[in-house]
Amino acid sequence: MSRTRSTQPDPRATLRSGLPDRYLTPDDIAEIFSVPLETVYQWRKKRSGPLGFRVGKHLRYDPADVRAYVVERQRANADAA
């Protein structure tokens, strides 16, 4: 049986409480950062967002890489202030 979107935990809550037990999708990344899905794909194209990787034709993100990206952005913003 497939899981529907409503039964999956909120990715933002999962990242706050600990690493999820699955890789994140581009939709998850867009939801976490509250940006359009196209922005996630532009980040990938420009190599400016979280590190992603392909599994066949599917793009996935390791939660640890997403967390590292957030920490890096926080440090960059703190240094600029």
Protein backbone atom coordinates (compact mmCIF):
# COMPACT_ATOMS: atom_id res chain seq x y z
CA MET A 1 0.00 0.00 0.00
CA SER A 2 1.40 3.42 -0.91
CA ARG A 3 1.59 6.22 1.61
CA THR A 4 -0.37 9.34 0.80
CA ARG A 5 0.98 12.82 1.29
CA SER A 6 -1.27 13.40 4.32
CA THR A 7 0.19 10.44 6.24
CA GLN A 8 3.82 11.51 5.79
CA PRO A 9 5.32 13.61 8.58
CA ASP A 10 6.02 17.29 7.96
CA PRO A 11 9.67 17.40 6.74
CA ARG A 12 10.34 20.62 8.67
CA ALA A 13 9.27 19.01 11.94
CA THR A 14 11.35 15.95 11.13
CA LEU A 15 14.50 18.00 10.57
CA ARG A 16 13.96 19.85 13.86
CA SER A 17 13.44 16.67 15.84
CA GLY A 18 16.12 14.56 14.16
CA LEU A 19 17.06 13.08 10.83
CA PRO A 20 14.26 11.34 8.96
CA ASP A 21 14.60 7.70 7.99
CA ARG A 22 14.27 8.51 4.30
CA TYR A 23 15.87 10.70 1.67
CA LEU A 24 14.06 13.94 0.88
CA THR A 25 12.45 14.76 -2.45
CA PRO A 26 12.55 18.11 -4.27
CA ASP A 27 8.97 18.66 -3.06
CA ASP A 28 10.15 18.17 0.53
CA ILE A 29 12.95 20.70 0.02
CA ALA A 30 10.53 23.24 -1.45
CA GLU A 31 8.22 22.77 1.54
CA ILE A 32 11.02 22.96 4.11
CA PHE A 33 12.32 26.26 2.73
CA SER A 34 8.89 27.60 1.67
CA VAL A 35 10.04 28.22 -1.89
CA PRO A 36 8.56 27.19 -5.24
CA LEU A 37 9.65 23.82 -6.60
CA GLU A 38 11.27 25.60 -9.57
CA THR A 39 13.59 27.38 -7.12
CA VAL A 40 14.84 24.02 -5.86
CA TYR A 41 15.65 22.98 -9.42
CA GLN A 42 17.39 26.32 -10.08
CA TRP A 43 19.50 25.86 -6.94
CA ARG A 44 20.55 22.47 -8.28
CA LYS A 45 21.36 23.89 -11.71
CA LYS A 46 23.40 26.74 -10.20
CA ARG A 47 24.89 24.49 -7.49
CA SER A 48 23.85 26.96 -4.82
CA GLY A 49 21.40 24.96 -2.71
CA PRO A 50 21.60 21.77 -0.66
CA LEU A 51 23.61 18.95 -2.22
CA GLY A 52 21.36 16.53 -4.08
CA PHE A 53 21.99 13.29 -5.91
CA ARG A 54 20.22 11.12 -8.45
CA VAL A 55 18.82 7.66 -7.93
CA GLY A 56 18.08 6.68 -11.49
CA LYS A 57 15.96 9.56 -12.77
CA HIS A 58 14.87 10.68 -9.30
CA LEU A 59 16.49 13.56 -7.42
CA ARG A 60 16.99 13.01 -3.69
CA TYR A 61 18.56 14.90 -0.80
CA ASP A 62 20.27 13.43 2.24
CA PRO A 63 18.82 15.10 5.37
CA ALA A 64 22.35 15.45 6.78
CA ASP A 65 23.39 17.45 3.68
CA VAL A 66 20.30 19.65 4.02
CA ARG A 67 21.12 20.31 7.67
CA ALA A 68 24.74 21.13 6.74
CA TYR A 69 23.48 23.57 4.10
CA VAL A 70 21.27 25.32 6.66
CA VAL A 71 24.16 25.61 9.15
CA GLU A 72 26.42 26.95 6.39
CA ARG A 73 23.84 29.59 5.40
CA GLN A 74 23.33 30.61 9.03
CA ARG A 75 27.08 31.09 9.50
CA ALA A 76 27.37 33.07 6.26
CA ASN A 77 24.52 35.35 7.35
CA ALA A 78 26.02 35.82 10.81
CA ASP A 79 29.41 36.69 9.30
CA ALA A 80 27.80 39.22 6.95
CA ALA A 81 25.93 40.96 9.77
